[in-house]
């Protein structure tokens, strides 16, 4: 079974996302693939829209399968946008979510400046999907819950 995650800021095509005025300058779109969900981000990620990107990415942390963050369409990545990616990486780590990052030239510039970023970079979406195909399917983890005791 496949499912598509929709977000209020999601638009397809190349039209910038708008909210009652000028565009935010970023395009956000997601689609399921065989073993992962691909999250496409395009345009510019700066201080004006980084929180929107952060909120959008947060919706995918607990989807239950690997993620590919495709930034190959990003023309500009400011420090606030880089912070959004690092926050996404940390949330994936905490949730034990496997993921991969596909970079554009603009993203690669920041990755070179911060050499110890430890982000799981891949050369393309296909390469990322191939890497994630080797990840075992997630298993449910059940934990014991102590019985409820009413106290008065």
N, C-alpha and C. Protein backbone atom coordinates (compact mmCIF):
# COMPACT_ATOMS: atom_id res chain seq x y z
N UNK A 1 0.83 -1.17 0.00
CA UNK A 1 0.00 0.00 0.00
C UNK A 1 0.88 1.24 0.00
N UNK A 2 0.57 2.19 -0.85
CA UNK A 2 1.31 3.44 -0.88
C UNK A 2 0.38 4.57 -0.48
N UNK A 3 0.96 5.60 0.06
CA UNK A 3 0.17 6.76 0.45
C UNK A 3 0.96 8.02 0.11
N UNK A 4 0.22 9.07 -0.14
CA UNK A 4 0.84 10.36 -0.42
C UNK A 4 0.57 11.27 0.75
N UNK A 5 1.59 11.96 1.20
CA UNK A 5 1.43 12.92 2.28
C UNK A 5 1.21 14.28 1.66
N UNK A 6 0.11 14.92 2.01
CA UNK A 6 -0.19 16.25 1.49
C UNK A 6 0.05 17.28 2.58
N UNK A 7 0.49 18.42 2.22
CA UNK A 7 0.74 19.49 3.18
C UNK A 7 0.09 20.75 2.65
N UNK A 8 -0.33 21.61 3.52
CA UNK A 8 -1.03 22.81 3.09
C UNK A 8 -0.17 23.68 2.17
N UNK A 9 1.14 23.59 2.27
CA UNK A 9 2.01 24.40 1.42
C UNK A 9 2.48 23.67 0.17
N UNK A 10 1.98 22.46 -0.07
CA UNK A 10 2.44 21.67 -1.20
C UNK A 10 1.82 22.17 -2.50
N UNK A 11 2.66 22.31 -3.50
CA UNK A 11 2.22 22.65 -4.85
C UNK A 11 3.05 21.81 -5.81
N UNK A 12 2.44 21.42 -6.90
CA UNK A 12 3.21 20.71 -7.92
C UNK A 12 3.60 21.70 -9.01
N UNK A 13 4.53 21.31 -9.82
CA UNK A 13 4.97 22.18 -10.90
C UNK A 13 6.03 23.15 -10.42
N UNK A 14 6.14 24.27 -11.12
CA UNK A 14 7.21 25.22 -10.81
C UNK A 14 6.68 26.52 -10.23
N UNK A 15 5.40 26.55 -9.85
CA UNK A 15 4.84 27.76 -9.27
C UNK A 15 5.29 27.91 -7.82
N UNK A 16 5.85 29.06 -7.45
CA UNK A 16 6.24 29.23 -6.05
C UNK A 16 5.02 29.18 -5.14
N UNK A 17 5.22 28.73 -3.93
CA UNK A 17 4.14 28.71 -2.95
C UNK A 17 3.86 30.15 -2.54
N UNK A 18 2.59 30.49 -2.50
CA UNK A 18 2.23 31.85 -2.10
C UNK A 18 1.27 31.81 -0.93
N UNK A 19 1.29 32.85 -0.14
CA UNK A 19 0.36 33.01 0.98
C UNK A 19 -0.13 34.44 1.00
N UNK A 20 -1.11 34.74 0.18
CA UNK A 20 -1.73 36.06 0.20
C UNK A 20 -0.77 37.20 -0.11
N UNK A 21 0.17 36.99 -0.95
CA UNK A 21 1.13 38.04 -1.28
C UNK A 21 2.24 37.46 -2.11
N UNK A 22 3.44 38.01 -1.95
CA UNK A 22 4.56 37.49 -2.73
C UNK A 22 4.89 36.05 -2.36
N UNK A 23 5.44 35.31 -3.31
CA UNK A 23 5.78 33.91 -3.08
C UNK A 23 6.83 33.74 -2.02
N UNK A 24 6.82 32.58 -1.40
CA UNK A 24 7.82 32.28 -0.39
C UNK A 24 9.15 31.92 -1.04
N UNK A 25 9.15 31.69 -2.35
CA UNK A 25 10.39 31.40 -3.05
C UNK A 25 10.84 29.96 -2.96
N UNK A 26 9.99 29.07 -2.43
CA UNK A 26 10.35 27.66 -2.28
C UNK A 26 9.19 26.80 -2.78
N UNK A 27 9.54 25.66 -3.38
CA UNK A 27 8.55 24.68 -3.82
C UNK A 27 8.72 23.43 -2.99
N UNK A 28 7.62 22.91 -2.47
CA UNK A 28 7.65 21.71 -1.63
C UNK A 28 6.68 20.69 -2.20
N UNK A 29 7.16 19.47 -2.41
CA UNK A 29 6.34 18.43 -3.00
C UNK A 29 6.87 17.09 -2.52
N UNK A 30 5.98 16.13 -2.35
CA UNK A 30 6.42 14.79 -1.96
C UNK A 30 5.67 13.75 -2.76
N UNK A 31 6.30 12.60 -2.94
CA UNK A 31 5.65 11.50 -3.63
C UNK A 31 6.27 10.18 -3.17
N UNK A 32 5.46 9.13 -3.13
CA UNK A 32 5.97 7.82 -2.69
C UNK A 32 6.72 7.13 -3.82
N UNK A 33 7.77 6.43 -3.46
CA UNK A 33 8.47 5.52 -4.36
C UNK A 33 8.42 4.14 -3.73
N UNK A 34 8.99 3.18 -4.36
CA UNK A 34 8.86 1.79 -3.92
C UNK A 34 9.23 1.57 -2.45
N UNK A 35 10.36 2.06 -2.01
CA UNK A 35 10.81 1.81 -0.64
C UNK A 35 11.04 3.08 0.17
N UNK A 36 10.63 4.23 -0.35
CA UNK A 36 10.88 5.49 0.36
C UNK A 36 9.90 6.56 -0.12
N UNK A 37 9.80 7.60 0.65
CA UNK A 37 9.08 8.80 0.23
C UNK A 37 10.12 9.82 -0.20
N UNK A 38 9.92 10.41 -1.36
CA UNK A 38 10.82 11.45 -1.85
C UNK A 38 10.19 12.80 -1.54
N UNK A 39 10.96 13.66 -0.91
CA UNK A 39 10.54 15.01 -0.58
C UNK A 39 11.36 15.95 -1.44
N UNK A 40 10.69 16.61 -2.40
CA UNK A 40 11.38 17.54 -3.28
C UNK A 40 11.27 18.95 -2.73
N UNK A 41 12.40 19.63 -2.70
CA UNK A 41 12.43 21.03 -2.30
C UNK A 41 13.15 21.77 -3.42
N UNK A 42 12.56 22.85 -3.89
CA UNK A 42 13.18 23.62 -4.96
C UNK A 42 13.07 25.11 -4.69
N UNK A 43 13.82 25.89 -5.43
CA UNK A 43 13.79 27.33 -5.27
C UNK A 43 14.84 27.81 -4.29
N UNK A 44 14.46 28.75 -3.45
CA UNK A 44 15.38 29.35 -2.48
C UNK A 44 14.91 29.06 -1.07
N UNK A 45 15.85 28.65 -0.21
CA UNK A 45 15.55 28.45 1.20
C UNK A 45 16.37 29.48 1.98
N UNK A 46 15.66 30.43 2.55
CA UNK A 46 16.34 31.50 3.28
C UNK A 46 15.60 31.76 4.59
N UNK A 47 15.94 32.84 5.26
CA UNK A 47 15.34 33.15 6.56
C UNK A 47 13.83 33.39 6.47
N UNK A 48 13.36 33.83 5.31
CA UNK A 48 11.93 34.11 5.15
C UNK A 48 11.07 32.85 5.09
N UNK A 49 11.62 31.76 4.60
CA UNK A 49 10.79 30.56 4.43
C UNK A 49 11.35 29.32 5.12
N UNK A 50 12.45 29.44 5.83
CA UNK A 50 13.07 28.26 6.46
C UNK A 50 12.13 27.59 7.45
N UNK A 51 11.34 28.36 8.17
CA UNK A 51 10.41 27.75 9.14
C UNK A 51 9.33 26.95 8.42
N UNK A 52 8.88 27.41 7.27
CA UNK A 52 7.90 26.66 6.48
C UNK A 52 8.50 25.33 6.02
N UNK A 53 9.76 25.37 5.60
CA UNK A 53 10.44 24.14 5.19
C UNK A 53 10.60 23.21 6.39
N UNK A 54 11.00 23.75 7.53
CA UNK A 54 11.15 22.95 8.75
C UNK A 54 9.83 22.27 9.11
N UNK A 55 8.75 23.01 9.09
CA UNK A 55 7.43 22.46 9.43
C UNK A 55 7.02 21.38 8.44
N UNK A 56 7.28 21.62 7.16
CA UNK A 56 6.92 20.64 6.12
C UNK A 56 7.70 19.34 6.32
N UNK A 57 9.00 19.45 6.55
CA UNK A 57 9.83 18.26 6.73
C UNK A 57 9.46 17.49 7.99
N UNK A 58 9.06 18.20 9.03
CA UNK A 58 8.71 17.54 10.30
C UNK A 58 7.53 16.59 10.13
N UNK A 59 6.66 16.86 9.16
CA UNK A 59 5.50 15.99 8.94
C UNK A 59 5.89 14.60 8.44
N UNK A 60 7.12 14.42 8.00
CA UNK A 60 7.54 13.14 7.42
C UNK A 60 8.36 12.26 8.37
N UNK A 61 8.73 12.78 9.50
CA UNK A 61 9.64 12.05 10.40
C UNK A 61 9.09 10.69 10.80
N UNK A 62 7.81 10.59 11.04
CA UNK A 62 7.24 9.35 11.56
C UNK A 62 6.37 8.61 10.54
N UNK A 63 6.71 8.68 9.25
CA UNK A 63 5.90 8.01 8.23
C UNK A 63 6.10 6.50 8.20
N UNK A 64 7.17 5.99 8.78
CA UNK A 64 7.35 4.55 8.89
C UNK A 64 8.21 3.91 7.82
N UNK A 65 8.82 4.69 6.96
CA UNK A 65 9.75 4.13 5.98
C UNK A 65 10.80 5.19 5.62
N UNK A 66 11.85 4.80 4.90
CA UNK A 66 12.94 5.74 4.61
C UNK A 66 12.49 6.97 3.81
N UNK A 67 13.31 8.00 3.88
CA UNK A 67 13.02 9.26 3.21
C UNK A 67 14.19 9.68 2.33
N UNK A 68 13.88 10.31 1.21
CA UNK A 68 14.89 10.94 0.36
C UNK A 68 14.56 12.43 0.33
N UNK A 69 15.47 13.26 0.81
CA UNK A 69 15.30 14.71 0.75
C UNK A 69 16.02 15.19 -0.50
N UNK A 70 15.25 15.50 -1.52
CA UNK A 70 15.80 15.89 -2.82
C UNK A 70 15.89 17.41 -2.90
N UNK A 71 17.10 17.92 -2.73
CA UNK A 71 17.35 19.36 -2.80
C UNK A 71 18.00 19.74 -4.12
N UNK A 72 17.92 18.86 -5.12
CA UNK A 72 18.59 19.13 -6.40
C UNK A 72 18.01 20.34 -7.12
N UNK A 73 16.81 20.77 -6.75
CA UNK A 73 16.20 21.95 -7.36
C UNK A 73 16.38 23.22 -6.55
N UNK A 74 17.22 23.19 -5.51
CA UNK A 74 17.44 24.38 -4.67
C UNK A 74 18.49 25.26 -5.33
N UNK A 75 18.10 26.52 -5.59
CA UNK A 75 19.00 27.48 -6.23
C UNK A 75 19.82 28.27 -5.23
N UNK A 76 19.27 28.43 -4.01
CA UNK A 76 19.96 29.19 -2.96
C UNK A 76 19.64 28.54 -1.63
N UNK A 77 20.67 28.37 -0.79
CA UNK A 77 20.48 27.82 0.55
C UNK A 77 21.19 28.73 1.53
N UNK A 78 20.40 29.49 2.29
CA UNK A 78 20.96 30.36 3.32
C UNK A 78 21.24 29.58 4.59
N UNK A 79 21.82 30.25 5.56
CA UNK A 79 22.16 29.56 6.81
C UNK A 79 20.91 29.09 7.55
N UNK A 80 19.81 29.84 7.46
CA UNK A 80 18.56 29.40 8.10
C UNK A 80 18.04 28.14 7.42
N UNK A 81 18.17 28.05 6.12
CA UNK A 81 17.78 26.85 5.38
C UNK A 81 18.65 25.66 5.73
N UNK A 82 19.95 25.91 5.88
CA UNK A 82 20.87 24.85 6.28
C UNK A 82 20.52 24.37 7.69
N UNK A 83 20.12 25.30 8.54
CA UNK A 83 19.67 24.94 9.88
C UNK A 83 18.44 24.05 9.84
N UNK A 84 17.53 24.31 8.90
CA UNK A 84 16.33 23.47 8.74
C UNK A 84 16.73 22.04 8.35
N UNK A 85 17.73 21.91 7.48
CA UNK A 85 18.19 20.58 7.07
C UNK A 85 18.86 19.87 8.24
N UNK A 86 19.68 20.59 9.00
CA UNK A 86 20.33 19.98 10.17
C UNK A 86 19.31 19.57 11.22
N UNK A 87 18.26 20.35 11.39
CA UNK A 87 17.21 19.98 12.34
C UNK A 87 16.48 18.73 11.87
N UNK A 88 16.20 18.64 10.57
CA UNK A 88 15.58 17.45 9.99
C UNK A 88 16.48 16.23 10.22
N UNK A 89 17.78 16.40 10.01
CA UNK A 89 18.73 15.30 10.22
C UNK A 89 18.70 14.82 11.67
N UNK A 90 18.66 15.75 12.60
CA UNK A 90 18.64 15.40 14.01
C UNK A 90 17.33 14.68 14.37
N UNK A 91 16.22 15.15 13.85
CA UNK A 91 14.93 14.50 14.13
C UNK A 91 14.89 13.10 13.53
N UNK A 92 15.47 12.93 12.35
CA UNK A 92 15.55 11.58 11.75
C UNK A 92 16.41 10.67 12.61
N UNK A 93 17.51 11.20 13.12
CA UNK A 93 18.39 10.40 13.97
C UNK A 93 17.66 9.96 15.23
N UNK A 94 16.96 10.88 15.86
CA UNK A 94 16.22 10.53 17.09
C UNK A 94 15.12 9.51 16.84
N UNK A 95 14.47 9.62 15.68
CA UNK A 95 13.38 8.70 15.35
C UNK A 95 13.88 7.41 14.71
N UNK A 96 15.21 7.29 14.57
CA UNK A 96 15.83 6.14 13.91
C UNK A 96 15.28 5.95 12.49
N UNK A 97 15.09 7.08 11.80
CA UNK A 97 14.57 7.08 10.44
C UNK A 97 15.73 7.11 9.47
N UNK A 98 15.80 6.16 8.55
CA UNK A 98 16.82 6.14 7.51
C UNK A 98 16.43 7.16 6.45
N UNK A 99 17.45 7.88 5.95
CA UNK A 99 17.17 8.88 4.94
C UNK A 99 18.43 9.19 4.14
N UNK A 100 18.25 9.89 3.05
CA UNK A 100 19.38 10.30 2.20
C UNK A 100 19.09 11.70 1.67
N UNK A 101 20.17 12.42 1.38
CA UNK A 101 20.10 13.80 0.89
C UNK A 101 20.67 13.88 -0.51
N UNK A 102 19.91 14.46 -1.43
CA UNK A 102 20.39 14.72 -2.79
C UNK A 102 20.60 16.23 -2.90
N UNK A 103 21.81 16.64 -3.25
CA UNK A 103 22.19 18.05 -3.22
C UNK A 103 22.16 18.70 -4.59
N UNK A 104 22.01 20.01 -4.59
CA UNK A 104 22.22 20.84 -5.77
C UNK A 104 23.59 21.49 -5.62
N UNK A 105 24.02 22.25 -6.62
CA UNK A 105 25.30 22.96 -6.51
C UNK A 105 25.28 23.94 -5.34
N UNK A 106 24.14 24.62 -5.14
CA UNK A 106 24.03 25.58 -4.04
C UNK A 106 24.17 24.90 -2.68
N UNK A 107 23.62 23.71 -2.55
CA UNK A 107 23.71 22.96 -1.30
C UNK A 107 25.13 22.44 -1.11
N UNK A 108 25.76 21.98 -2.18
CA UNK A 108 27.12 21.45 -2.08
C UNK A 108 28.11 22.49 -1.60
N UNK A 109 27.87 23.77 -1.92
CA UNK A 109 28.75 24.84 -1.45
C UNK A 109 28.77 24.86 0.08
N UNK A 110 27.60 24.81 0.69
CA UNK A 110 27.54 24.81 2.17
C UNK A 110 28.09 23.51 2.74
N UNK A 111 27.88 22.40 2.06
CA UNK A 111 28.40 21.13 2.57
C UNK A 111 29.92 21.13 2.56
N UNK A 112 30.54 21.82 1.60
CA UNK A 112 32.01 21.92 1.57
C UNK A 112 32.53 22.82 2.68
N UNK A 113 31.76 23.86 3.01
CA UNK A 113 32.17 24.79 4.07
C UNK A 113 32.07 24.12 5.44
N UNK A 114 31.11 23.21 5.59
CA UNK A 114 30.91 22.50 6.85
C UNK A 114 31.25 21.03 6.59
N UNK A 115 32.53 20.66 6.60
CA UNK A 115 32.93 19.31 6.18
C UNK A 115 32.49 18.19 7.12
N UNK A 116 32.23 18.47 8.37
CA UNK A 116 31.84 17.42 9.32
C UNK A 116 30.34 17.39 9.54
N UNK A 117 29.57 17.61 8.49
CA UNK A 117 28.11 17.69 8.60
C UNK A 117 27.46 16.33 8.85
N UNK A 118 28.11 15.24 8.46
CA UNK A 118 27.62 13.87 8.63
C UNK A 118 26.22 13.66 8.05
N UNK A 119 25.90 14.37 6.98
CA UNK A 119 24.61 14.17 6.31
C UNK A 119 24.77 13.05 5.29
N UNK A 120 23.77 12.19 5.14
CA UNK A 120 23.87 11.05 4.23
C UNK A 120 23.66 11.45 2.77
N UNK A 121 24.68 12.05 2.18
CA UNK A 121 24.57 12.57 0.81
C UNK A 121 24.59 11.45 -0.22
N UNK A 122 23.78 11.64 -1.27
CA UNK A 122 23.73 10.72 -2.41
C UNK A 122 23.81 11.56 -3.68
N UNK A 123 24.31 10.97 -4.75
CA UNK A 123 24.49 11.70 -6.00
C UNK A 123 23.22 12.00 -6.76
N UNK A 124 22.19 11.17 -6.57
CA UNK A 124 20.92 11.35 -7.28
C UNK A 124 19.81 10.66 -6.48
N UNK A 125 18.59 10.92 -6.89
CA UNK A 125 17.46 10.25 -6.23
C UNK A 125 17.56 8.75 -6.43
N UNK A 126 17.91 8.31 -7.64
CA UNK A 126 18.04 6.87 -7.90
C UNK A 126 19.12 6.24 -7.02
N UNK A 127 20.26 6.92 -6.86
CA UNK A 127 21.32 6.40 -6.00
C UNK A 127 20.86 6.34 -4.55
N UNK A 128 20.11 7.34 -4.11
CA UNK A 128 19.59 7.34 -2.74
C UNK A 128 18.61 6.20 -2.54
N UNK A 129 17.73 5.98 -3.50
CA UNK A 129 16.76 4.89 -3.40
C UNK A 129 17.45 3.54 -3.40
N UNK A 130 18.50 3.42 -4.19
CA UNK A 130 19.25 2.17 -4.22
C UNK A 130 19.92 1.91 -2.86
N UNK A 131 20.50 2.94 -2.27
CA UNK A 131 21.12 2.79 -0.96
C UNK A 131 20.07 2.42 0.10
N UNK A 132 18.91 3.06 0.05
CA UNK A 132 17.87 2.82 1.04
C UNK A 132 17.16 1.48 0.84
N UNK A 133 17.27 0.90 -0.36
CA UNK A 133 16.67 -0.40 -0.61
C UNK A 133 17.33 -1.48 0.24
N UNK A 134 18.57 -1.25 0.65
CA UNK A 134 19.28 -2.23 1.47
C UNK A 134 18.87 -2.15 2.94
N UNK A 135 18.12 -1.12 3.31
CA UNK A 135 17.68 -0.96 4.69
C UNK A 135 16.55 -1.96 4.96
N UNK A 136 16.67 -2.74 6.03
CA UNK A 136 15.59 -3.69 6.34
C UNK A 136 14.30 -2.96 6.65
N UNK A 137 13.18 -3.62 6.33
CA UNK A 137 11.88 -3.03 6.64
C UNK A 137 11.78 -2.83 8.14
N UNK A 138 11.13 -1.73 8.56
CA UNK A 138 11.02 -1.50 10.00
C UNK A 138 10.14 -2.55 10.67
N UNK A 139 10.46 -2.86 11.89
CA UNK A 139 9.65 -3.78 12.67
C UNK A 139 9.01 -3.00 13.81
N UNK A 140 7.86 -3.45 14.19
CA UNK A 140 7.18 -2.80 15.29
C UNK A 140 7.90 -3.12 16.58
N UNK A 141 8.04 -2.13 17.41
CA UNK A 141 8.66 -2.31 18.71
C UNK A 141 7.59 -2.14 19.78
N UNK A 142 7.27 -3.20 20.46
CA UNK A 142 6.28 -3.14 21.53
C UNK A 142 7.00 -3.03 22.86
N UNK A 143 6.41 -2.30 23.74
CA UNK A 143 7.01 -2.19 25.07
C UNK A 143 5.93 -2.48 26.10
N UNK A 144 6.35 -3.01 27.21
CA UNK A 144 5.43 -3.32 28.28
C UNK A 144 5.00 -2.04 28.98
N UNK A 145 3.72 -1.95 29.24
CA UNK A 145 3.18 -0.80 29.95
C UNK A 145 2.66 -1.29 31.27
N UNK A 146 3.08 -0.65 32.37
CA UNK A 146 2.60 -1.13 33.67
C UNK A 146 1.08 -0.98 33.77
N UNK A 147 0.42 -1.88 34.50
CA UNK A 147 -1.03 -1.79 34.62
C UNK A 147 -1.44 -0.48 35.30
N UNK A 148 -2.60 -0.01 34.91
CA UNK A 148 -3.13 1.22 35.47
C UNK A 148 -3.66 0.96 36.87
N UNK A 149 -3.28 1.81 37.79
CA UNK A 149 -3.78 1.68 39.17
C UNK A 149 -4.39 3.02 39.57
N UNK A 150 -5.64 2.97 39.86
CA UNK A 150 -6.33 4.17 40.29
C UNK A 150 -5.92 4.51 41.72
N UNK A 151 -5.65 5.75 41.95
CA UNK A 151 -5.31 6.19 43.31
C UNK A 151 -6.33 7.22 43.74
N UNK A 152 -6.70 7.13 44.97
CA UNK A 152 -7.67 8.11 45.50
C UNK A 152 -7.13 8.80 46.70
